[in-house]
Each structure stands twice: as C-alpha cells, then as structure tokens.
Amino acid sequence: MSAACDAPPPPLPVLDPGQRFVALASAALVLGTLLGAVLRGRLAGLPLPLVGFTNLRHAHSHLGYYGVLFPLLWWSWCRGGPRRPGPMVVVVYASAVAMATLGFAREGYGPLAIVSSTVVLLVWLSSAWNAAPQALALRTWWAPAAPSILLSALTIPAVAITSGRGQAALAEQLVQAFLTLLLFGAVLPAALHHRQAPPPIAPLWTLSAVGAGLALGPWPRWPALLALALLGAQLAWAGYRSSGPWDLRALWVGLGLSLVLLGTGLLHNSPAIAVAGLHYAILGPVLVSLGRPLSGRGPRWLCLFYEVLVLLLTATVLLPQWWVGPPWPLLAALLGLLLAALWWLAVGSRLVQARAPR
C-alpha cells in the first residue's frame, strides 16, 4: 500500500500540436460567432447592450483571422506542411489573441490592441519564416503561404500611416488587400490541400493572389483585375477537382466563379459584396473543409442544412443593394444567430465527446 502511495503520479496528458490549434480555434470560433450574431442584431436595430458597433466589428474581424483562420492553417501544416509554432509560442499567441480581442472591443485601435496585435504579427512572421523553404516549390499548396504573409504584413504600416493622415478610404482599401491576400494566399491553399485538390503552379497562384489583393483593395486596375479573374479560374478548377461531396465542391466552384465575375467586371465590387464574399468564403468552403476537427462528423443532412444557411446569409447581405423591400437586416440577423448556434452545439458536442471515458 505504501509503495503504491509513494509511486510518482502519472504524467498529465499532453496535447499534440494539432489539438492545441483546434482548442484555440474552437474557443475563438464560439466567441467570434457570438460577436457576429450580435453585430447582425445591431444592424437589424435590436437594442443589444454591448460596446460600440465599430469596436465590436474590429474585435469580430480580428478574432476571426487571429483566433480561427491561423490556428486552422497551422493545424493543416501538421499534416505534411511547413513547421508549425511550438507549444510555448502557442500559449503566448493565444494570450495575445485574447488581449487583442479585449482591446479592440473596449477601445478600438488602442494601446492594448496594438501591442497584442504586434505579438500576433511576430508569430505570423515566424511561421512565414518556417514556411519559406516551401516557397520555392513549383507545384504545392504550401508555397504561397510565406510570401503572402510577408506581403500582407507590409500593409500594416501603410494602414497606420494613412489612418494617421485621415485617409480613411485608402486605409480601408489597404485593410481589404490585407484580408484578401491572407485568405487567398495562405488559408484557402491549406483548405484545398486538405481536400486533396491537385496542386497549382505555385508562382502563378501567388502572383494571382497578390493581384487579387490589389484588385479588391487599393488598385482595381486591369492588370490586377486580370490576376483576380485568373485566381478565380484556378480556384474553380481546383475546387471542382477536389475530394469530397458534390455540395462542397460546388461551394469552391461558386467562390472561384464569383472572383472571375469580379475580375472581368461583370460583377461590380461594393462594400456589401466584400462583406458577403468574405463571410461566404470563410463560413462556407474554408470552415466546411478545415472545421471538421472543431465539430466532428455530423449527419449528412445537417451539413447540407448548414451550407444552405450560409448561402441564405450571403443572399440577405447582397440583395439589399438591388432589392429594397423585405426586412433583410432582420433576416440576416436570424440566419447569423442560427449559424452561430450550430457552431456552438457542434463545438460543445465535440468537447463532450473528447471528455467522455473511453
């Protein structure tokens, strides 16, 4: 008995690298979708007693990129990609994400948000350094990540300078370029790799992603628009050739074709299209492809129901610019709340399954 009592305690379970990123992304997704639902409710005129709308929007958008997309990107790197951040870096990064979200919600681009975002950026740059050897490969989904992260980082000082000079419109365009380049240069390639899509000609994809950032941001001229259309064609083809059910491939093809329409001028870019397209891309093909470790494998009908909700939310954001009549903001708020509730239930059930005795 005494020998048993003197025995050393069993070691605590250690999360593997993928689980660390999944835990961070799960927590950020629950909070991010809550903030998104509140924002939609505020746009619908509901008297929700929270912080100012602009600060809340900053917190929501930054949390989506900081806490959801990049951890899922690193999770995908655990499966044959570049070297991902180590455990101590993840702890520092998660703390910075939490502080940045609090800072943005309380004071916008204040000292706390700026300092925390600087830590986040340093971790991003270190991961770009880890991915740099992959950037020279000719055909791989990993190659565009390093140059896309580095180039997007260069827009941050430009945003600060233009904002300080009172050039709000240009600063907003630079932010759009930043979001576009990270999404199409780093996150989407990881999702397409996970779906086993045939790898592109990496330099062509990278140049197309840079052009897309310029076209949807500060320089909507024909060379950049041509690159945007070319990126859309590559994306549609890769999505069509990817693995998975027909509905997921249709989401990818739809995203690619929308970029072709924007690049050719058949669809005019506008703030509503930018918001709708960003949410469609992230909530649709990206999270359906990379979000499985956050939610587990649910019934087929539930996945189809979720995808229909994403399409309906996209429609309610787009249609007001052409059809004024129905209560679009209220419909968007209800759809946003329903989508958020689905993710809360999915993440919660996944957590219960993980803690269940085996």
Protein backbone atom coordinates (compact mmCIF):
# COMPACT_ATOMS: atom_id res chain seq x y z
CA MET A 1 0.00 0.00 0.00
CA SER A 2 2.76 2.45 0.99
CA ALA A 3 4.68 1.56 -2.14
CA ALA A 4 1.68 2.41 -4.22
CA CYS A 5 1.23 5.71 -2.36
CA ASP A 6 4.89 6.59 -2.87
CA ALA A 7 4.72 5.92 -6.60
CA PRO A 8 5.06 9.00 -8.80
CA PRO A 9 1.80 10.33 -10.18
CA PRO A 10 1.01 9.50 -13.79
CA PRO A 11 2.08 12.19 -16.25
CA LEU A 12 -0.52 14.69 -17.31
CA PRO A 13 -1.86 14.19 -20.84
CA VAL A 14 -0.04 16.32 -23.36
CA LEU A 15 -1.91 17.85 -26.24
CA ASP A 16 -0.41 17.08 -29.61
CA PRO A 17 0.28 20.11 -31.82
CA GLY A 18 -2.91 19.67 -33.79
CA GLN A 19 -5.06 19.59 -30.64
CA ARG A 20 -3.56 22.86 -29.39
CA PHE A 21 -4.57 24.63 -32.56
CA VAL A 22 -8.02 23.01 -32.51
CA ALA A 23 -8.59 24.12 -28.91
CA LEU A 24 -7.66 27.72 -29.72
CA ALA A 25 -9.73 27.78 -32.91
CA SER A 26 -12.74 26.26 -31.12
CA ALA A 27 -12.75 28.89 -28.37
CA ALA A 28 -12.24 31.72 -30.88
CA LEU A 29 -14.99 30.39 -33.15
CA VAL A 30 -17.53 30.26 -30.33
CA LEU A 31 -16.76 33.84 -29.29
CA GLY A 32 -16.38 35.09 -32.86
CA THR A 33 -19.74 33.75 -33.99
CA LEU A 34 -21.34 35.24 -30.87
CA LEU A 35 -19.90 38.66 -31.75
CA GLY A 36 -21.04 38.21 -35.35
CA ALA A 37 -24.58 37.40 -34.25
CA VAL A 38 -24.61 40.49 -32.02
CA LEU A 39 -23.37 42.66 -34.89
CA ARG A 40 -26.13 41.35 -37.15
CA GLY A 41 -28.65 42.04 -34.42
CA ARG A 42 -27.40 45.61 -34.05
CA LEU A 43 -27.68 46.14 -37.81
CA ALA A 44 -31.28 44.93 -37.57
CA GLY A 45 -32.00 47.59 -34.95
CA LEU A 46 -32.16 45.31 -31.93
CA PRO A 47 -31.21 47.14 -28.70
CA LEU A 48 -28.37 44.88 -27.63
CA PRO A 49 -26.49 46.38 -24.66
CA LEU A 50 -22.87 45.92 -25.68
CA VAL A 51 -19.92 48.07 -26.68
CA GLY A 52 -19.85 50.41 -29.67
CA PHE A 53 -20.60 48.88 -33.05
CA THR A 54 -17.28 49.84 -34.69
CA ASN A 55 -15.17 48.46 -31.85
CA LEU A 56 -17.24 45.29 -31.81
CA ARG A 57 -16.75 44.88 -35.56
CA HIS A 58 -12.98 45.24 -35.15
CA ALA A 59 -12.99 42.62 -32.39
CA HIS A 60 -15.07 40.23 -34.50
CA SER A 61 -12.98 40.50 -37.68
CA HIS A 62 -9.60 40.35 -35.94
CA LEU A 63 -10.65 37.40 -33.79
CA GLY A 64 -11.73 35.54 -36.93
CA TYR A 65 -8.30 35.87 -38.52
CA TYR A 66 -6.19 35.76 -35.35
CA GLY A 67 -8.03 33.03 -33.47
CA VAL A 68 -9.75 30.86 -36.09
CA LEU A 69 -8.10 31.03 -39.50
CA PHE A 70 -4.44 31.00 -38.49
CA PRO A 71 -4.78 28.18 -35.92
CA LEU A 72 -6.62 26.14 -38.57
CA LEU A 73 -3.86 26.99 -41.05
CA TRP A 74 -1.27 25.67 -38.58
CA TRP A 75 -3.42 22.62 -37.90
CA SER A 76 -3.29 21.86 -41.62
CA TRP A 77 0.50 22.24 -41.51
CA CYS A 78 0.62 19.33 -39.05
CA ARG A 79 -0.33 17.13 -42.00
CA GLY A 80 2.72 17.38 -44.21
CA GLY A 81 3.14 21.14 -44.38
CA PRO A 82 5.69 23.62 -43.02
CA ARG A 83 6.90 23.58 -39.42
CA ARG A 84 4.21 24.99 -37.14
CA PRO A 85 4.66 27.09 -33.95
CA GLY A 86 5.75 25.21 -30.83
CA PRO A 87 3.73 24.81 -27.61
CA MET A 88 5.14 27.84 -25.76
CA VAL A 89 4.62 30.03 -28.82
CA VAL A 90 1.01 28.86 -28.99
CA VAL A 91 0.46 29.85 -25.34
CA VAL A 92 1.91 33.31 -25.97
CA TYR A 93 -0.09 33.62 -29.17
CA ALA A 94 -3.38 32.59 -27.53
CA SER A 95 -2.82 35.15 -24.77
CA ALA A 96 -2.12 37.84 -27.36
CA VAL A 97 -5.29 36.93 -29.26
CA ALA A 98 -7.36 37.21 -26.07
CA MET A 99 -5.82 40.56 -25.16
CA ALA A 100 -6.21 41.92 -28.69
CA THR A 101 -9.88 40.93 -28.78
CA LEU A 102 -10.49 42.65 -25.45
CA GLY A 103 -8.55 45.71 -26.59
CA PHE A 104 -10.44 46.06 -29.86
CA ALA A 105 -13.79 45.65 -28.10
CA ARG A 106 -13.01 48.26 -25.43
CA GLU A 107 -11.08 50.95 -27.29
CA GLY A 108 -10.66 50.02 -30.95
CA TYR A 109 -7.13 50.59 -32.22
CA GLY A 110 -5.86 51.49 -28.75
CA PRO A 111 -2.60 50.61 -26.96
CA LEU A 112 -3.72 47.15 -25.78
CA ALA A 113 -4.92 46.12 -29.24
CA ILE A 114 -1.79 47.48 -30.93
CA VAL A 115 0.66 45.79 -28.57
CA SER A 116 -1.20 42.47 -28.68
CA SER A 117 -1.53 42.61 -32.45
CA THR A 118 2.22 43.21 -32.70
CA VAL A 119 2.81 39.95 -30.83
CA VAL A 120 0.37 38.21 -33.17
CA LEU A 121 2.20 39.63 -36.19
CA LEU A 122 5.58 38.45 -34.88
CA VAL A 123 4.23 34.91 -34.57
CA TRP A 124 2.84 35.14 -38.10
CA LEU A 125 6.22 36.28 -39.40
CA SER A 126 7.97 33.43 -37.60
CA SER A 127 5.57 30.97 -39.23
CA ALA A 128 6.27 32.60 -42.60
CA TRP A 129 9.96 32.00 -41.94
CA ASN A 130 9.19 28.34 -41.22
CA ALA A 131 7.26 28.14 -44.49
CA ALA A 132 9.95 29.90 -46.54
CA PRO A 133 11.66 26.69 -47.76
CA GLN A 134 8.34 25.59 -49.26
CA ALA A 135 8.02 28.87 -51.21
CA LEU A 136 10.48 27.69 -53.88
CA ALA A 137 8.49 24.59 -54.81
CA LEU A 138 6.83 24.65 -58.22
CA ARG A 139 3.69 22.62 -57.56
CA THR A 140 2.43 22.65 -53.99
CA TRP A 141 -0.30 24.31 -51.97
CA TRP A 142 2.20 25.36 -49.29
CA ALA A 143 4.35 27.65 -51.47
CA PRO A 144 2.12 30.78 -51.49
CA ALA A 145 1.91 30.98 -47.67
CA ALA A 146 5.25 32.62 -46.85
CA PRO A 147 5.19 35.40 -49.49
CA SER A 148 1.50 36.08 -48.81
CA ILE A 149 2.05 36.51 -45.07
CA LEU A 150 5.12 38.69 -45.60
CA LEU A 151 3.47 40.92 -48.21
CA SER A 152 0.31 41.30 -46.15
CA ALA A 153 2.46 42.35 -43.17
CA LEU A 154 3.81 45.22 -45.27
CA THR A 155 0.31 46.69 -45.50
CA ILE A 156 0.09 47.18 -41.72
CA PRO A 157 2.44 50.22 -41.53
CA ALA A 158 0.69 51.63 -44.60
CA VAL A 159 -2.68 51.33 -42.84
CA ALA A 160 -1.28 53.10 -39.78
CA ILE A 161 0.19 55.93 -41.86
CA THR A 162 -2.90 56.51 -43.99
CA SER A 163 -5.17 56.35 -40.94
CA GLY A 164 -2.99 58.91 -39.17
CA ARG A 165 -3.23 61.23 -42.15
CA GLY A 166 -7.01 61.00 -42.18
CA GLN A 167 -7.13 58.96 -45.41
CA ALA A 168 -9.82 56.62 -44.11
CA ALA A 169 -10.92 55.33 -47.53
CA LEU A 170 -7.39 54.35 -48.56
CA ALA A 171 -6.76 52.74 -45.17
CA GLU A 172 -9.94 50.65 -45.61
CA GLN A 173 -8.78 49.56 -49.07
CA LEU A 174 -5.40 48.50 -47.66
CA VAL A 175 -7.16 46.51 -44.95
CA GLN A 176 -9.18 44.78 -47.66
CA ALA A 177 -5.96 43.93 -49.51
CA PHE A 178 -4.52 42.56 -46.25
CA LEU A 179 -7.53 40.31 -45.62
CA THR A 180 -7.71 39.15 -49.24
CA LEU A 181 -4.04 38.24 -49.52
CA LEU A 182 -4.02 36.25 -46.29
CA LEU A 183 -7.22 34.43 -47.21
CA PHE A 184 -6.33 33.51 -50.80
CA GLY A 185 -2.58 33.21 -50.36
CA ALA A 186 -2.39 31.18 -47.15
CA VAL A 187 -5.71 29.90 -45.77
CA LEU A 188 -7.51 28.77 -48.93
CA PRO A 189 -4.49 26.82 -50.24
CA ALA A 190 -4.35 24.96 -46.91
CA ALA A 191 -8.05 24.12 -47.17
CA LEU A 192 -7.65 22.92 -50.77
CA HIS A 193 -4.67 20.79 -49.78
CA HIS A 194 -6.83 19.23 -47.08
CA ARG A 195 -9.45 18.48 -49.74
CA GLN A 196 -6.74 16.82 -51.87
CA ALA A 197 -7.17 19.25 -54.76
CA PRO A 198 -4.48 18.99 -57.43
CA PRO A 199 -1.71 21.47 -56.55
CA PRO A 200 -1.41 24.58 -58.70
CA ILE A 201 1.60 26.14 -60.38
CA ALA A 202 2.66 27.84 -57.17
CA PRO A 203 4.24 31.06 -58.59
CA LEU A 204 1.15 31.65 -60.73
CA TRP A 205 -1.18 31.21 -57.76
CA THR A 206 0.95 33.53 -55.60
CA LEU A 207 1.01 36.28 -58.24
CA SER A 208 -2.72 35.86 -58.77
CA ALA A 209 -3.37 36.18 -55.01
CA VAL A 210 -1.28 39.36 -54.86
CA GLY A 211 -3.22 40.76 -57.82
CA ALA A 212 -6.49 39.83 -56.13
CA GLY A 213 -5.46 41.78 -53.04
CA LEU A 214 -4.71 44.83 -55.17
CA ALA A 215 -7.87 44.49 -57.26
CA LEU A 216 -10.17 44.18 -54.24
CA GLY A 217 -8.15 46.79 -52.35
CA PRO A 218 -6.32 49.95 -53.40
CA TRP A 219 -5.65 49.30 -57.12
CA PRO A 220 -8.67 47.98 -59.08
CA ARG A 221 -6.96 48.35 -62.49
CA TRP A 222 -6.95 45.90 -65.38
CA PRO A 223 -3.65 44.07 -64.58
CA ALA A 224 -4.85 43.37 -61.03
CA LEU A 225 -8.37 42.56 -62.21
CA LEU A 226 -6.93 40.10 -64.74
CA ALA A 227 -5.00 38.42 -61.92
CA LEU A 228 -8.21 38.28 -59.87
CA ALA A 229 -10.05 36.54 -62.70
CA LEU A 230 -7.12 34.16 -63.19
CA LEU A 231 -7.15 33.30 -59.48
CA GLY A 232 -10.88 32.62 -59.69
CA ALA A 233 -10.40 30.26 -62.64
CA GLN A 234 -7.65 28.36 -60.80
CA LEU A 235 -9.80 28.20 -57.66
CA ALA A 236 -12.88 26.95 -59.51
CA TRP A 237 -10.86 24.24 -61.28
CA ALA A 238 -9.11 23.12 -58.08
CA GLY A 239 -12.40 23.03 -56.19
CA TYR A 240 -14.03 21.01 -58.95
CA ARG A 241 -11.16 18.51 -58.86
CA SER A 242 -11.02 18.32 -55.06
CA SER A 243 -12.26 15.42 -52.98
CA GLY A 244 -15.47 15.50 -51.04
CA PRO A 245 -19.20 15.54 -51.77
CA TRP A 246 -20.72 17.50 -54.63
CA ASP A 247 -22.03 20.26 -52.41
CA LEU A 248 -18.61 21.12 -51.00
CA ARG A 249 -17.09 21.15 -54.46
CA ALA A 250 -19.96 23.40 -55.57
CA LEU A 251 -19.07 25.86 -52.79
CA TRP A 252 -15.50 26.02 -54.05
CA VAL A 253 -16.56 26.43 -57.67
CA GLY A 254 -19.04 29.14 -56.72
CA LEU A 255 -16.33 31.10 -54.92
CA GLY A 256 -13.99 30.79 -57.90
CA LEU A 257 -16.62 31.89 -60.40
CA SER A 258 -17.52 34.92 -58.29
CA LEU A 259 -13.89 36.05 -58.49
CA VAL A 260 -13.99 35.61 -62.26
CA LEU A 261 -17.10 37.81 -62.41
CA LEU A 262 -15.41 40.47 -60.31
CA GLY A 263 -12.21 40.32 -62.32
CA THR A 264 -13.98 40.64 -65.65
CA GLY A 265 -16.20 43.49 -64.48
CA LEU A 266 -19.43 41.52 -64.87
CA LEU A 267 -19.93 41.97 -61.11
CA HIS A 268 -19.14 45.36 -59.60
CA ASN A 269 -17.29 45.31 -56.29
CA SER A 270 -19.03 47.06 -53.41
CA PRO A 271 -18.89 47.01 -49.59
CA ALA A 272 -21.85 44.61 -49.49
CA ILE A 273 -20.17 42.23 -51.94
CA ALA A 274 -16.93 42.40 -49.94
CA VAL A 275 -18.70 41.53 -46.68
CA ALA A 276 -20.84 38.83 -48.26
CA GLY A 277 -17.93 37.29 -50.14
CA LEU A 278 -15.66 37.20 -47.09
CA HIS A 279 -18.30 35.51 -44.94
CA TYR A 280 -19.24 33.10 -47.73
CA ALA A 281 -15.61 32.06 -48.22
CA ILE A 282 -14.86 31.60 -44.51
CA LEU A 283 -18.15 30.14 -43.28
CA GLY A 284 -18.55 28.09 -46.45
CA PRO A 285 -15.69 26.26 -48.15
CA VAL A 286 -12.97 27.12 -45.60
CA LEU A 287 -14.75 26.02 -42.42
CA VAL A 288 -16.51 23.11 -44.11
CA SER A 289 -13.07 21.90 -45.27
CA LEU A 290 -10.89 22.76 -42.24
CA GLY A 291 -13.51 22.89 -39.48
CA ARG A 292 -14.07 19.16 -39.09
CA PRO A 293 -11.74 18.82 -36.04
CA LEU A 294 -13.77 21.57 -34.35
CA SER A 295 -17.13 19.89 -34.84
CA GLY A 296 -16.60 16.21 -35.54
CA ARG A 297 -18.53 14.27 -38.14
CA GLY A 298 -22.21 15.11 -38.08
CA PRO A 299 -25.11 13.72 -40.09
CA ARG A 300 -25.14 14.47 -43.80
CA TRP A 301 -28.43 16.39 -43.68
CA LEU A 302 -27.03 18.74 -41.03
CA CYS A 303 -24.06 19.64 -43.21
CA LEU A 304 -26.37 20.37 -46.14
CA PHE A 305 -28.63 22.44 -43.87
CA TYR A 306 -25.60 24.44 -42.69
CA GLU A 307 -24.46 25.12 -46.26
CA VAL A 308 -27.96 26.31 -47.22
CA LEU A 309 -27.89 28.71 -44.27
CA VAL A 310 -24.54 30.10 -45.45
CA LEU A 311 -25.99 30.69 -48.92
CA LEU A 312 -29.07 32.37 -47.46
CA LEU A 313 -26.96 34.62 -45.22
CA THR A 314 -24.87 35.62 -48.24
CA ALA A 315 -28.04 36.41 -50.17
CA THR A 316 -29.52 38.57 -47.38
CA VAL A 317 -26.33 40.65 -47.29
CA LEU A 318 -26.20 41.05 -51.10
CA LEU A 319 -29.83 41.53 -52.09
CA PRO A 320 -30.49 44.87 -50.33
CA GLN A 321 -28.32 46.68 -52.89
CA TRP A 322 -30.66 45.52 -55.67
CA TRP A 323 -34.00 44.83 -53.99
CA VAL A 324 -35.22 47.11 -51.24
CA GLY A 325 -38.30 45.75 -49.59
CA PRO A 326 -38.04 42.70 -47.34
CA PRO A 327 -36.53 43.17 -43.86
CA TRP A 328 -33.10 41.94 -44.99
CA PRO A 329 -31.16 43.00 -41.84
CA LEU A 330 -33.59 41.12 -39.59
CA LEU A 331 -33.40 38.02 -41.80
CA ALA A 332 -29.60 38.23 -41.80
CA ALA A 333 -29.62 38.54 -38.01
CA LEU A 334 -31.80 35.43 -37.62
CA LEU A 335 -29.64 33.44 -40.03
CA GLY A 336 -26.46 34.60 -38.32
CA LEU A 337 -27.83 33.57 -34.94
CA LEU A 338 -28.81 30.15 -36.29
CA LEU A 339 -25.38 29.60 -37.86
CA ALA A 340 -23.71 30.65 -34.62
CA ALA A 341 -25.93 28.27 -32.62
CA LEU A 342 -25.00 25.38 -34.91
CA TRP A 343 -21.30 26.02 -34.28
CA TRP A 344 -21.87 26.36 -30.52
CA LEU A 345 -23.65 23.00 -30.48
CA ALA A 346 -21.03 21.39 -32.71
CA VAL A 347 -18.08 22.61 -30.64
CA GLY A 348 -19.87 21.73 -27.40
CA SER A 349 -20.70 18.21 -28.55
CA ARG A 350 -17.12 17.73 -29.72
CA LEU A 351 -15.88 18.79 -26.29
CA VAL A 352 -18.24 16.36 -24.56
CA GLN A 353 -17.07 13.54 -26.84
CA ALA A 354 -13.42 14.34 -26.12
CA ARG A 355 -14.01 14.19 -22.35
CA ALA A 356 -16.11 11.06 -22.41
CA PRO A 357 -14.39 7.98 -20.88
CA ARG A 358 -13.09 5.52 -23.42
